[in-house]
Amino acid sequence: MKKSVVVKNVSKKYKLYDTHAERLKDLLLPKSYGEEFYALHNVSFKADKGDIIGLVGVNGSGKSTLSNIIAGTIPPTKGSVKTNGEAAMISVSTGLNGKLSGRENIELKCLMLGFSKRQIRQMEPDIIEFSELEQFIDQPVKSYSSGMKSRLGFAISITVNPDIFIVDEALSVGDKAFAQKCLDKMHEFEQRGKTMFFVSHSLTQMKEFCNKVIWLEFGEIRAEGEASEILKQYEAFLKEYNAFTPKEKKAFRNQGFEKQSAVRAVTE
């Protein structure tokens, strides 16, 4: 089966700064400032055409970083990502200009994707109809709720018909009826052999929708495989994790941060 996405030894390094002044010093002075850590470290996997892959892990595990790298919105520090076709990402916080209206955002995003103004005029009614934002479409996006932003972003991306579709928590906001409408559209994409990555805290949606799951922990792949098996393991972990006291959860997160920071010592 033809591979649609090949992720090979991908790492992503960031720097954390205590103050804005420390960030400026790191830019302007030869001495290094700030603390380095790896949001992802040596991540590798392959996706077949038609795969629907869920990305799970507690907050800070690297799910959104990996999603953005697959989508091409941020580059990896090391490693490579090869995609067979165009990728589009749906995230509440990604790709919309708050100063522009919903209609202007449709035109801007579609122009950036290479569509002509004539094509955009033809696509626009379908985008607006799917988003269910008719009465708000000429209002500035900064006045939209998170659910409305998600609806607009989803409507634009499904209409431009990407080969690889990445949904990052976009169905966790807004009403259940619209979320189901989006899932139905994603099932349609599945039947057409498109590849999808699905980031969500809803394991119910994962079970319904995904055939494979990648479990990220501290920026590395802890487990991957058939959705039913990996979700069973992850649910058992969550049961244990949710029983932690606040102090134990903080210690777990600190352990992860220390591990991500320590990667530098063995990779550089």
C-alpha atoms as a PDB file:
ATOM      1  CA  MET A   1       0.000   0.000   0.000  1.00  0.00           C
ATOM      2  CA  LYS A   2       1.313   3.442  -0.903  1.00  0.00           C
ATOM      3  CA  LYS A   3       2.582   5.527   2.006  1.00  0.00           C
ATOM      4  CA  SER A   4       0.988   8.950   2.352  1.00  0.00           C
ATOM      5  CA  VAL A   5       3.130  10.194   5.256  1.00  0.00           C
ATOM      6  CA  VAL A   6       6.618   9.100   6.307  1.00  0.00           C
ATOM      7  CA  VAL A   7       7.988  10.652   9.514  1.00  0.00           C
ATOM      8  CA  LYS A   8      11.648   9.776  10.081  1.00  0.00           C
ATOM      9  CA  ASN A   9      13.655  10.589  13.224  1.00  0.00           C
ATOM     10  CA  VAL A  10      11.829  13.862  13.813  1.00  0.00           C
ATOM     11  CA  SER A  11      12.879  16.021  16.747  1.00  0.00           C
ATOM     12  CA  LYS A  12      11.734  19.517  17.677  1.00  0.00           C
ATOM     13  CA  LYS A  13      13.733  21.697  20.048  1.00  0.00           C
ATOM     14  CA  TYR A  14      12.446  24.842  21.755  1.00  0.00           C
ATOM     15  CA  LYS A  15      13.876  27.307  24.205  1.00  0.00           C
ATOM     16  CA  LEU A  16      12.153  28.552  27.344  1.00  0.00           C
ATOM     17  CA  TYR A  17      12.939  32.001  28.709  1.00  0.00           C
ATOM     18  CA  ASP A  18      12.226  33.396  32.167  1.00  0.00           C
ATOM     19  CA  THR A  19      11.917  36.966  30.878  1.00  0.00           C
ATOM     20  CA  HIS A  20      11.515  38.860  27.610  1.00  0.00           C
ATOM     21  CA  ALA A  21      14.947  40.419  28.260  1.00  0.00           C
ATOM     22  CA  GLU A  22      16.497  36.934  28.352  1.00  0.00           C
ATOM     23  CA  ARG A  23      14.935  36.180  24.965  1.00  0.00           C
ATOM     24  CA  LEU A  24      16.417  39.389  23.489  1.00  0.00           C
ATOM     25  CA  LYS A  25      19.858  38.588  24.921  1.00  0.00           C
ATOM     26  CA  ASP A  26      19.733  35.150  23.309  1.00  0.00           C
ATOM     27  CA  LEU A  27      19.019  36.788  19.949  1.00  0.00           C
ATOM     28  CA  LEU A  28      21.629  39.534  20.197  1.00  0.00           C
ATOM     29  CA  LEU A  29      24.533  38.175  22.252  1.00  0.00           C
ATOM     30  CA  PRO A  30      26.926  35.284  21.536  1.00  0.00           C
ATOM     31  CA  LYS A  31      26.296  33.632  24.916  1.00  0.00           C
ATOM     32  CA  SER A  32      23.365  31.212  24.988  1.00  0.00           C
ATOM     33  CA  TYR A  33      20.410  32.148  27.183  1.00  0.00           C
ATOM     34  CA  GLY A  34      17.273  30.219  28.056  1.00  0.00           C
ATOM     35  CA  GLU A  35      16.658  26.545  28.756  1.00  0.00           C
ATOM     36  CA  GLU A  36      16.459  24.098  25.861  1.00  0.00           C
ATOM     37  CA  PHE A  37      14.059  21.180  25.755  1.00  0.00           C
ATOM     38  CA  TYR A  38      12.767  18.780  23.134  1.00  0.00           C
ATOM     39  CA  ALA A  39       9.018  18.785  22.501  1.00  0.00           C
ATOM     40  CA  LEU A  40       9.629  15.784  20.210  1.00  0.00           C
ATOM     41  CA  HIS A  41      12.583  13.416  20.122  1.00  0.00           C
ATOM     42  CA  ASN A  42      13.390  10.896  17.403  1.00  0.00           C
ATOM     43  CA  VAL A  43       9.793  10.213  16.327  1.00  0.00           C
ATOM     44  CA  SER A  44       9.344   7.849  13.376  1.00  0.00           C
ATOM     45  CA  PHE A  45       6.270   6.223  11.811  1.00  0.00           C
ATOM     46  CA  LYS A  46       4.535   5.665   8.471  1.00  0.00           C
ATOM     47  CA  ALA A  47       0.909   6.222   7.429  1.00  0.00           C
ATOM     48  CA  ASP A  48      -0.833   4.428   4.577  1.00  0.00           C
ATOM     49  CA  LYS A  49      -3.394   6.021   2.307  1.00  0.00           C
ATOM     50  CA  GLY A  50      -6.770   5.748   4.029  1.00  0.00           C
ATOM     51  CA  ASP A  51      -5.318   5.516   7.542  1.00  0.00           C
ATOM     52  CA  ILE A  52      -7.081   7.400  10.317  1.00  0.00           C
ATOM     53  CA  ILE A  53      -4.504   7.823  13.060  1.00  0.00           C
ATOM     54  CA  GLY A  54      -5.355   9.094  16.513  1.00  0.00           C
ATOM     55  CA  LEU A  55      -2.684  10.962  18.486  1.00  0.00           C
ATOM     56  CA  VAL A  56      -3.106  10.574  22.248  1.00  0.00           C
ATOM     57  CA  GLY A  57      -1.150  11.639  25.316  1.00  0.00           C
ATOM     58  CA  VAL A  58      -1.551  13.959  28.278  1.00  0.00           C
ATOM     59  CA  ASN A  59      -1.008  17.697  27.844  1.00  0.00           C
ATOM     60  CA  GLY A  60       2.576  18.479  26.888  1.00  0.00           C
ATOM     61  CA  SER A  61       3.244  15.115  25.267  1.00  0.00           C
ATOM     62  CA  GLY A  62       3.936  16.623  21.825  1.00  0.00           C
ATOM     63  CA  LYS A  63       0.668  15.936  19.967  1.00  0.00           C
ATOM     64  CA  SER A  64       0.131  19.459  18.645  1.00  0.00           C
ATOM     65  CA  THR A  65       3.818  19.902  17.802  1.00  0.00           C
ATOM     66  CA  LEU A  66       3.750  16.715  15.740  1.00  0.00           C
ATOM     67  CA  SER A  67       0.483  17.791  14.073  1.00  0.00           C
ATOM     68  CA  ASN A  68       1.978  21.128  13.042  1.00  0.00           C
ATOM     69  CA  ILE A  69       5.121  19.483  11.660  1.00  0.00           C
ATOM     70  CA  ILE A  70       3.069  17.037   9.561  1.00  0.00           C
ATOM     71  CA  ALA A  71       0.974  19.960   8.301  1.00  0.00           C
ATOM     72  CA  GLY A  72       4.112  21.901   7.384  1.00  0.00           C
ATOM     73  CA  THR A  73       3.287  24.898   9.576  1.00  0.00           C
ATOM     74  CA  ILE A  74       6.481  24.488  11.634  1.00  0.00           C
ATOM     75  CA  PRO A  75       9.748  22.779  10.600  1.00  0.00           C
ATOM     76  CA  PRO A  76      11.391  19.962  12.544  1.00  0.00           C
ATOM     77  CA  THR A  77      14.732  20.688  14.203  1.00  0.00           C
ATOM     78  CA  LYS A  78      15.991  17.325  12.982  1.00  0.00           C
ATOM     79  CA  GLY A  79      14.621  14.540  10.848  1.00  0.00           C
ATOM     80  CA  SER A  80      12.256  14.617   7.895  1.00  0.00           C
ATOM     81  CA  VAL A  81       8.573  14.409   6.977  1.00  0.00           C
ATOM     82  CA  LYS A  82       7.527  13.293   3.504  1.00  0.00           C
ATOM     83  CA  THR A  83       3.884  13.677   2.463  1.00  0.00           C
ATOM     84  CA  ASN A  84       2.210  12.354  -0.656  1.00  0.00           C
ATOM     85  CA  GLY A  85      -0.192  15.215  -1.429  1.00  0.00           C
ATOM     86  CA  GLU A  86      -1.443  18.424   0.155  1.00  0.00           C
ATOM     87  CA  ALA A  87      -1.990  18.592   3.922  1.00  0.00           C
ATOM     88  CA  ALA A  88      -4.503  20.794   5.744  1.00  0.00           C
ATOM     89  CA  MET A  89      -4.750  21.335   9.478  1.00  0.00           C
ATOM     90  CA  ILE A  90      -7.835  22.241  11.479  1.00  0.00           C
ATOM     91  CA  SER A  91      -7.117  23.839  14.832  1.00  0.00           C
ATOM     92  CA  VAL A  92      -9.073  26.505  16.681  1.00  0.00           C
ATOM     93  CA  SER A  93      -5.972  28.677  17.021  1.00  0.00           C
ATOM     94  CA  THR A  94      -4.467  28.165  13.567  1.00  0.00           C
ATOM     95  CA  GLY A  95      -4.774  29.997  10.266  1.00  0.00           C
ATOM     96  CA  LEU A  96      -7.413  32.676  10.883  1.00  0.00           C
ATOM     97  CA  ASN A  97      -6.824  36.444  11.024  1.00  0.00           C
ATOM     98  CA  GLY A  98      -8.876  37.920  13.855  1.00  0.00           C
ATOM     99  CA  LYS A  99      -8.944  41.397  12.288  1.00  0.00           C
ATOM    100  CA  LEU A 100     -10.606  40.131   9.106  1.00  0.00           C
ATOM    101  CA  SER A 101     -14.183  38.976   8.678  1.00  0.00           C
ATOM    102  CA  GLY A 102     -15.066  35.348   8.147  1.00  0.00           C
ATOM    103  CA  ARG A 103     -15.635  35.997   4.432  1.00  0.00           C
ATOM    104  CA  GLU A 104     -12.274  37.784   4.101  1.00  0.00           C
ATOM    105  CA  ASN A 105     -10.562  34.873   5.876  1.00  0.00           C
ATOM    106  CA  ILE A 106     -12.080  32.465   3.366  1.00  0.00           C
ATOM    107  CA  GLU A 107     -10.655  34.485   0.480  1.00  0.00           C
ATOM    108  CA  LEU A 108      -7.253  34.984   2.121  1.00  0.00           C
ATOM    109  CA  LYS A 109      -6.743  31.323   3.028  1.00  0.00           C
ATOM    110  CA  CYS A 110      -7.904  30.073  -0.361  1.00  0.00           C
ATOM    111  CA  LEU A 111      -5.664  32.563  -2.187  1.00  0.00           C
ATOM    112  CA  MET A 112      -2.730  31.306  -0.108  1.00  0.00           C
ATOM    113  CA  LEU A 113      -3.601  27.763  -1.204  1.00  0.00           C
ATOM    114  CA  GLY A 114      -3.374  28.805  -4.855  1.00  0.00           C
ATOM    115  CA  PHE A 115      -7.038  29.188  -5.824  1.00  0.00           C
ATOM    116  CA  SER A 116      -8.099  31.970  -8.189  1.00  0.00           C
ATOM    117  CA  LYS A 117     -10.660  34.584  -7.169  1.00  0.00           C
ATOM    118  CA  ARG A 118     -13.122  33.009  -9.586  1.00  0.00           C
ATOM    119  CA  GLN A 119     -12.678  29.601  -7.962  1.00  0.00           C
ATOM    120  CA  ILE A 120     -13.046  31.133  -4.515  1.00  0.00           C
ATOM    121  CA  ARG A 121     -16.356  32.780  -5.493  1.00  0.00           C
ATOM    122  CA  GLN A 122     -17.611  29.367  -6.558  1.00  0.00           C
ATOM    123  CA  MET A 123     -16.414  27.677  -3.343  1.00  0.00           C
ATOM    124  CA  GLU A 124     -17.534  30.386  -0.920  1.00  0.00           C
ATOM    125  CA  PRO A 125     -21.266  29.500  -0.685  1.00  0.00           C
ATOM    126  CA  ASP A 126     -20.434  25.864   0.174  1.00  0.00           C
ATOM    127  CA  ILE A 127     -17.935  26.944   2.828  1.00  0.00           C
ATOM    128  CA  ILE A 128     -20.405  29.338   4.432  1.00  0.00           C
ATOM    129  CA  GLU A 129     -23.226  26.801   4.316  1.00  0.00           C
ATOM    130  CA  PHE A 130     -21.157  24.061   5.936  1.00  0.00           C
ATOM    131  CA  SER A 131     -19.883  26.428   8.656  1.00  0.00           C
ATOM    132  CA  GLU A 132     -23.465  27.502   9.536  1.00  0.00           C
ATOM    133  CA  LEU A 133     -22.144  31.047  10.064  1.00  0.00           C
ATOM    134  CA  GLU A 134     -24.347  32.832   7.526  1.00  0.00           C
ATOM    135  CA  GLN A 135     -25.438  35.675   9.826  1.00  0.00           C
ATOM    136  CA  PHE A 136     -21.910  36.117  11.242  1.00  0.00           C
ATOM    137  CA  ILE A 137     -19.780  35.642   8.138  1.00  0.00           C
ATOM    138  CA  ASP A 138     -19.134  39.381   7.660  1.00  0.00           C
ATOM    139  CA  GLN A 139     -18.244  39.985  11.309  1.00  0.00           C
ATOM    140  CA  PRO A 140     -14.567  40.108  12.424  1.00  0.00           C
ATOM    141  CA  VAL A 141     -13.252  36.702  13.459  1.00  0.00           C
ATOM    142  CA  LYS A 142     -11.916  38.173  16.713  1.00  0.00           C
ATOM    143  CA  SER A 143     -15.557  38.405  17.832  1.00  0.00           C
ATOM    144  CA  TYR A 144     -16.153  34.679  17.147  1.00  0.00           C
ATOM    145  CA  SER A 145     -16.341  32.079  19.880  1.00  0.00           C
ATOM    146  CA  SER A 146     -13.811  29.232  19.753  1.00  0.00           C
ATOM    147  CA  GLY A 147     -16.557  26.997  18.364  1.00  0.00           C
ATOM    148  CA  MET A 148     -17.319  29.431  15.541  1.00  0.00           C
ATOM    149  CA  LYS A 149     -13.625  29.667  14.629  1.00  0.00           C
ATOM    150  CA  SER A 150     -13.412  25.896  14.545  1.00  0.00           C
ATOM    151  CA  ARG A 151     -16.479  25.670  12.300  1.00  0.00           C
ATOM    152  CA  LEU A 152     -15.051  28.195   9.837  1.00  0.00           C
ATOM    153  CA  GLY A 153     -11.620  26.531   9.759  1.00  0.00           C
ATOM    154  CA  PHE A 154     -13.132  23.089   9.275  1.00  0.00           C
ATOM    155  CA  ALA A 155     -15.468  24.296   6.518  1.00  0.00           C
ATOM    156  CA  ILE A 156     -12.620  25.931   4.578  1.00  0.00           C
ATOM    157  CA  SER A 157     -10.353  22.892   4.803  1.00  0.00           C
ATOM    158  CA  ILE A 158     -12.892  20.248   3.820  1.00  0.00           C
ATOM    159  CA  THR A 159     -13.968  22.353   0.840  1.00  0.00           C
ATOM    160  CA  VAL A 160     -10.434  22.758  -0.513  1.00  0.00           C
ATOM    161  CA  ASN A 161     -10.260  18.929  -0.408  1.00  0.00           C
ATOM    162  CA  PRO A 162      -6.799  18.088   1.031  1.00  0.00           C
ATOM    163  CA  ASP A 163      -5.116  14.696   0.625  1.00  0.00           C
ATOM    164  CA  ILE A 164      -3.995  14.652   4.264  1.00  0.00           C
ATOM    165  CA  PHE A 165      -6.301  16.019   6.921  1.00  0.00           C
ATOM    166  CA  ILE A 166      -5.135  16.912  10.462  1.00  0.00           C
ATOM    167  CA  VAL A 167      -7.766  17.728  13.089  1.00  0.00           C
ATOM    168  CA  ASP A 168      -6.272  19.097  16.318  1.00  0.00           C
ATOM    169  CA  GLU A 169      -8.937  19.376  19.042  1.00  0.00           C
ATOM    170  CA  ALA A 170     -11.183  21.243  16.604  1.00  0.00           C
ATOM    171  CA  LEU A 171     -14.184  19.033  17.461  1.00  0.00           C
ATOM    172  CA  SER A 172     -13.794  19.553  21.206  1.00  0.00           C
ATOM    173  CA  VAL A 173     -15.507  22.957  21.024  1.00  0.00           C
ATOM    174  CA  GLY A 174     -18.964  23.917  19.846  1.00  0.00           C
ATOM    175  CA  ASP A 175     -22.142  21.866  19.723  1.00  0.00           C
ATOM    176  CA  LYS A 176     -22.402  18.091  19.384  1.00  0.00           C
ATOM    177  CA  ALA A 177     -24.557  18.322  16.257  1.00  0.00           C
ATOM    178  CA  PHE A 178     -21.824  20.158  14.346  1.00  0.00           C
ATOM    179  CA  ALA A 179     -19.156  17.780  15.663  1.00  0.00           C
ATOM    180  CA  GLN A 180     -21.190  14.860  14.297  1.00  0.00           C
ATOM    181  CA  LYS A 181     -21.554  16.663  10.972  1.00  0.00           C
ATOM    182  CA  CYS A 182     -17.768  16.982  10.818  1.00  0.00           C
ATOM    183  CA  LEU A 183     -17.268  13.318  11.722  1.00  0.00           C
ATOM    184  CA  ASP A 184     -19.669  12.324   8.955  1.00  0.00           C
ATOM    185  CA  LYS A 185     -17.614  14.377   6.484  1.00  0.00           C
ATOM    186  CA  MET A 186     -14.434  12.738   7.754  1.00  0.00           C
ATOM    187  CA  HIS A 187     -15.984   9.294   7.237  1.00  0.00           C
ATOM    188  CA  GLU A 188     -16.668  10.394   3.657  1.00  0.00           C
ATOM    189  CA  PHE A 189     -12.992  11.315   3.283  1.00  0.00           C
ATOM    190  CA  GLU A 190     -12.046   7.912   4.714  1.00  0.00           C
ATOM    191  CA  GLN A 191     -14.079   6.165   2.023  1.00  0.00           C
ATOM    192  CA  ARG A 192     -12.228   8.221  -0.597  1.00  0.00           C
ATOM    193  CA  GLY A 193      -8.862   6.970   0.688  1.00  0.00           C
ATOM    194  CA  LYS A 194      -7.655  10.171   2.326  1.00  0.00           C
ATOM    195  CA  THR A 195      -5.266  10.037   5.287  1.00  0.00           C
ATOM    196  CA  MET A 196      -6.306  11.680   8.549  1.00  0.00           C
ATOM    197  CA  PHE A 197      -4.694  12.472  11.876  1.00  0.00           C
ATOM    198  CA  PHE A 198      -7.051  13.053  14.760  1.00  0.00           C
ATOM    199  CA  VAL A 199      -6.036  14.774  18.021  1.00  0.00           C
ATOM    200  CA  SER A 200      -8.740  14.680  20.670  1.00  0.00           C
ATOM    201  CA  HIS A 201      -9.279  14.066  24.375  1.00  0.00           C
ATOM    202  CA  SER A 202     -12.478  12.241  23.422  1.00  0.00           C
ATOM    203  CA  LEU A 203     -11.595   8.555  23.456  1.00  0.00           C
ATOM    204  CA  THR A 204     -15.175   7.818  22.368  1.00  0.00           C
ATOM    205  CA  GLN A 205     -14.525   9.677  19.106  1.00  0.00           C
ATOM    206  CA  MET A 206     -11.164   7.902  18.777  1.00  0.00           C
ATOM    207  CA  LYS A 207     -12.799   4.489  19.132  1.00  0.00           C
ATOM    208  CA  GLU A 208     -15.470   5.381  16.591  1.00  0.00           C
ATOM    209  CA  PHE A 209     -13.185   6.918  14.039  1.00  0.00           C
ATOM    210  CA  CYS A 210      -9.543   5.737  14.180  1.00  0.00           C
ATOM    211  CA  ASN A 211      -8.027   2.504  12.906  1.00  0.00           C
ATOM    212  CA  LYS A 212      -4.562   3.249  14.368  1.00  0.00           C
ATOM    213  CA  VAL A 213      -3.317   5.193  17.379  1.00  0.00           C
ATOM    214  CA  ILE A 214       0.049   6.701  18.317  1.00  0.00           C
ATOM    215  CA  TRP A 215       0.546   7.314  22.040  1.00  0.00           C
ATOM    216  CA  LEU A 216       3.032  10.115  22.747  1.00  0.00           C
ATOM    217  CA  GLU A 217       4.651  10.645  26.126  1.00  0.00           C
ATOM    218  CA  PHE A 218       7.326  13.245  26.899  1.00  0.00           C
ATOM    219  CA  GLY A 219       7.842  13.845  23.167  1.00  0.00           C
ATOM    220  CA  GLU A 220       8.494  10.202  22.290  1.00  0.00           C
ATOM    221  CA  ILE A 221       6.319   7.364  21.009  1.00  0.00           C
ATOM    222  CA  ARG A 222       5.365   5.171  23.957  1.00  0.00           C
ATOM    223  CA  ALA A 223       3.175   2.844  21.888  1.00  0.00           C
ATOM    224  CA  GLU A 224       1.597   2.604  18.440  1.00  0.00           C
ATOM    225  CA  GLY A 225      -0.603   0.121  16.649  1.00  0.00           C
ATOM    226  CA  GLU A 226      -4.225  -0.921  16.224  1.00  0.00           C
ATOM    227  CA  ALA A 227      -6.598   1.593  17.791  1.00  0.00           C
ATOM    228  CA  SER A 228      -8.452  -0.915  19.992  1.00  0.00           C
ATOM    229  CA  GLU A 229      -5.262  -2.231  21.608  1.00  0.00           C
ATOM    230  CA  ILE A 230      -3.455   1.102  22.125  1.00  0.00           C
ATOM    231  CA  LEU A 231      -6.579   2.833  23.453  1.00  0.00           C
ATOM    232  CA  LYS A 232      -7.064  -0.013  25.925  1.00  0.00           C
ATOM    233  CA  GLN A 233      -3.516   0.563  27.217  1.00  0.00           C
ATOM    234  CA  TYR A 234      -3.982   4.346  27.267  1.00  0.00           C
ATOM    235  CA  GLU A 235      -7.280   4.124  29.161  1.00  0.00           C
ATOM    236  CA  ALA A 236      -5.571   1.996  31.813  1.00  0.00           C
ATOM    237  CA  PHE A 237      -2.821   4.620  32.096  1.00  0.00           C
ATOM    238  CA  LEU A 238      -5.375   7.459  32.358  1.00  0.00           C
ATOM    239  CA  LYS A 239      -7.215   5.651  35.148  1.00  0.00           C
ATOM    240  CA  GLU A 240      -3.962   5.489  37.083  1.00  0.00           C
ATOM    241  CA  TYR A 241      -2.956   9.065  36.156  1.00  0.00           C
ATOM    242  CA  ASN A 242      -6.323  10.557  37.133  1.00  0.00           C
ATOM    243  CA  ALA A 243      -6.022   8.892  40.539  1.00  0.00           C
ATOM    244  CA  PHE A 244      -2.816  10.846  41.205  1.00  0.00           C
ATOM    245  CA  THR A 245      -2.901  13.669  43.718  1.00  0.00           C
ATOM    246  CA  PRO A 246      -2.153  17.173  42.335  1.00  0.00           C
ATOM    247  CA  LYS A 247       1.336  16.828  43.801  1.00  0.00           C
ATOM    248  CA  GLU A 248       1.891  13.495  42.024  1.00  0.00           C
ATOM    249  CA  LYS A 249       0.634  14.907  38.711  1.00  0.00           C
ATOM    250  CA  LYS A 250       3.040  17.827  39.042  1.00  0.00           C
ATOM    251  CA  ALA A 251       5.899  15.417  39.758  1.00  0.00           C
ATOM    252  CA  PHE A 252       4.953  13.397  36.663  1.00  0.00           C
ATOM    253  CA  ARG A 253       4.971  16.539  34.482  1.00  0.00           C
ATOM    254  CA  ASN A 254       8.283  17.678  35.989  1.00  0.00           C
ATOM    255  CA  GLN A 255       9.748  14.266  35.261  1.00  0.00           C
ATOM    256  CA  GLY A 256       8.726  14.708  31.649  1.00  0.00           C
ATOM    257  CA  PHE A 257      10.193  18.215  31.410  1.00  0.00           C
ATOM    258  CA  GLU A 258      13.485  17.047  32.919  1.00  0.00           C
ATOM    259  CA  LYS A 259      13.606  14.160  30.445  1.00  0.00           C
ATOM    260  CA  GLN A 260      12.884  16.478  27.506  1.00  0.00           C
ATOM    261  CA  SER A 261      15.585  18.905  28.661  1.00  0.00           C
ATOM    262  CA  ALA A 262      18.095  16.086  29.267  1.00  0.00           C
ATOM    263  CA  VAL A 263      17.798  14.910  25.652  1.00  0.00           C
ATOM    264  CA  ARG A 264      20.173  17.726  24.708  1.00  0.00           C
ATOM    265  CA  ALA A 265      23.006  16.096  26.643  1.00  0.00           C
ATOM    266  CA  VAL A 266      22.871  12.930  24.552  1.00  0.00           C
ATOM    267  CA  THR A 267      22.015  14.452  21.151  1.00  0.00           C
ATOM    268  CA  GLU A 268      24.327  17.433  20.925  1.00  0.00           C
END
